[in-house]
């Protein structure tokens, strides 16, 4: 059934308009999701790197080899690792 009494060309143009509208809205939604994820990732990195400056709690992970939350423990001496 023709849209608004037009012909085939009008129907094609209406379909192209609808597809373009959906694509435009979809791209804006996807772009918004990307920026949201980027903002959350940046916030988490800043909390990990500069947690003491903002006064917020630290979200650092823990390592089984860590002596403290910022320094890894050495299990070998440097000479032993790089010596011949």
C-alpha atoms as a PDB file:
ATOM      1  CA  UNK A   1       0.000   0.000   0.000  1.00  0.00           C
ATOM      2  CA  UNK A   2       1.553   3.285  -1.022  1.00  0.00           C
ATOM      3  CA  UNK A   3       2.453   5.748   1.694  1.00  0.00           C
ATOM      4  CA  UNK A   4       0.274   8.835   1.242  1.00  0.00           C
ATOM      5  CA  UNK A   5      -0.994   7.907  -2.197  1.00  0.00           C
ATOM      6  CA  UNK A   6       2.398   8.135  -3.887  1.00  0.00           C
ATOM      7  CA  UNK A   7       3.985   5.666  -6.169  1.00  0.00           C
ATOM      8  CA  UNK A   8       6.889   3.306  -5.963  1.00  0.00           C
ATOM      9  CA  UNK A   9       9.440   6.130  -5.871  1.00  0.00           C
ATOM     10  CA  UNK A  10       7.678   7.742  -2.925  1.00  0.00           C
ATOM     11  CA  UNK A  11       7.584   4.417  -1.083  1.00  0.00           C
ATOM     12  CA  UNK A  12      11.300   3.884  -1.697  1.00  0.00           C
ATOM     13  CA  UNK A  13      12.115   7.389  -0.472  1.00  0.00           C
ATOM     14  CA  UNK A  14      10.011   6.895   2.660  1.00  0.00           C
ATOM     15  CA  UNK A  15      11.773   3.583   3.325  1.00  0.00           C
ATOM     16  CA  UNK A  16      15.185   5.198   2.842  1.00  0.00           C
ATOM     17  CA  UNK A  17      14.169   7.962   5.258  1.00  0.00           C
ATOM     18  CA  UNK A  18      13.098   5.452   7.898  1.00  0.00           C
ATOM     19  CA  UNK A  19      16.282   3.406   7.510  1.00  0.00           C
ATOM     20  CA  UNK A  20      18.388   6.569   7.704  1.00  0.00           C
ATOM     21  CA  UNK A  21      16.556   7.661  10.843  1.00  0.00           C
ATOM     22  CA  UNK A  22      17.103   4.296  12.541  1.00  0.00           C
ATOM     23  CA  UNK A  23      20.763   4.273  11.542  1.00  0.00           C
ATOM     24  CA  UNK A  24      21.239   7.841  12.812  1.00  0.00           C
ATOM     25  CA  UNK A  25      19.584   7.051  16.148  1.00  0.00           C
ATOM     26  CA  UNK A  26      21.508   3.790  16.435  1.00  0.00           C
ATOM     27  CA  UNK A  27      24.822   5.517  15.795  1.00  0.00           C
ATOM     28  CA  UNK A  28      24.068   8.133  18.449  1.00  0.00           C
ATOM     29  CA  UNK A  29      23.150   5.390  20.919  1.00  0.00           C
ATOM     30  CA  UNK A  30      26.313   3.436  20.131  1.00  0.00           C
ATOM     31  CA  UNK A  31      28.432   6.575  20.386  1.00  0.00           C
ATOM     32  CA  UNK A  32      26.843   7.349  23.740  1.00  0.00           C
ATOM     33  CA  UNK A  33      27.631   3.858  25.001  1.00  0.00           C
ATOM     34  CA  UNK A  34      31.243   4.188  23.853  1.00  0.00           C
ATOM     35  CA  UNK A  35      31.660   7.534  25.612  1.00  0.00           C
ATOM     36  CA  UNK A  36      30.016   6.167  28.748  1.00  0.00           C
ATOM     37  CA  UNK A  37      32.386   3.189  28.828  1.00  0.00           C
ATOM     38  CA  UNK A  38      35.353   5.477  28.153  1.00  0.00           C
ATOM     39  CA  UNK A  39      34.343   7.790  31.000  1.00  0.00           C
ATOM     40  CA  UNK A  40      33.933   4.890  33.429  1.00  0.00           C
ATOM     41  CA  UNK A  41      37.283   3.414  32.397  1.00  0.00           C
ATOM     42  CA  UNK A  42      39.019   6.775  32.783  1.00  0.00           C
ATOM     43  CA  UNK A  43      37.456   7.230  36.209  1.00  0.00           C
ATOM     44  CA  UNK A  44      38.667   3.798  37.295  1.00  0.00           C
ATOM     45  CA  UNK A  45      42.182   4.448  35.991  1.00  0.00           C
ATOM     46  CA  UNK A  46      42.297   7.779  37.796  1.00  0.00           C
ATOM     47  CA  UNK A  47      41.101   6.145  41.007  1.00  0.00           C
ATOM     48  CA  UNK A  48      43.804   3.498  40.681  1.00  0.00           C
ATOM     49  CA  UNK A  49      46.567   5.949  39.835  1.00  0.00           C
ATOM     50  CA  UNK A  50      45.596   8.957  41.941  1.00  0.00           C
ATOM     51  CA  UNK A  51      43.249   7.525  44.561  1.00  0.00           C
ATOM     52  CA  UNK A  52      44.937   9.355  47.421  1.00  0.00           C
ATOM     53  CA  UNK A  53      44.502  12.749  45.761  1.00  0.00           C
ATOM     54  CA  UNK A  54      40.744  12.553  45.387  1.00  0.00           C
ATOM     55  CA  UNK A  55      40.074  11.237  48.871  1.00  0.00           C
ATOM     56  CA  UNK A  56      38.074   8.351  47.472  1.00  0.00           C
ATOM     57  CA  UNK A  57      38.570   4.723  48.305  1.00  0.00           C
ATOM     58  CA  UNK A  58      41.113   2.753  46.391  1.00  0.00           C
ATOM     59  CA  UNK A  59      39.928   0.113  43.947  1.00  0.00           C
ATOM     60  CA  UNK A  60      43.359  -1.478  43.486  1.00  0.00           C
ATOM     61  CA  UNK A  61      43.594  -5.146  42.927  1.00  0.00           C
ATOM     62  CA  UNK A  62      45.918  -7.307  44.936  1.00  0.00           C
ATOM     63  CA  UNK A  63      48.798  -9.360  43.654  1.00  0.00           C
ATOM     64  CA  UNK A  64      49.934 -12.571  45.337  1.00  0.00           C
ATOM     65  CA  UNK A  65      53.525 -11.331  44.951  1.00  0.00           C
ATOM     66  CA  UNK A  66      52.971  -7.830  46.313  1.00  0.00           C
ATOM     67  CA  UNK A  67      54.622  -6.602  49.504  1.00  0.00           C
ATOM     68  CA  UNK A  68      52.317  -3.609  49.534  1.00  0.00           C
ATOM     69  CA  UNK A  69      49.563  -2.432  47.245  1.00  0.00           C
ATOM     70  CA  UNK A  70      51.997  -0.485  45.038  1.00  0.00           C
ATOM     71  CA  UNK A  71      55.276  -2.468  45.042  1.00  0.00           C
ATOM     72  CA  UNK A  72      55.757  -5.958  43.688  1.00  0.00           C
ATOM     73  CA  UNK A  73      58.011  -8.338  45.592  1.00  0.00           C
ATOM     74  CA  UNK A  74      61.148  -9.626  43.874  1.00  0.00           C
ATOM     75  CA  UNK A  75      61.447 -13.371  43.900  1.00  0.00           C
ATOM     76  CA  UNK A  76      64.937 -13.346  42.308  1.00  0.00           C
ATOM     77  CA  UNK A  77      67.874 -11.027  42.365  1.00  0.00           C
ATOM     78  CA  UNK A  78      68.533  -9.061  39.189  1.00  0.00           C
ATOM     79  CA  UNK A  79      71.940 -10.713  38.694  1.00  0.00           C
ATOM     80  CA  UNK A  80      70.324 -14.149  38.787  1.00  0.00           C
ATOM     81  CA  UNK A  81      67.799 -13.214  36.134  1.00  0.00           C
ATOM     82  CA  UNK A  82      70.179 -11.512  33.716  1.00  0.00           C
ATOM     83  CA  UNK A  83      73.439 -13.272  34.448  1.00  0.00           C
ATOM     84  CA  UNK A  84      74.932 -15.689  31.946  1.00  0.00           C
END
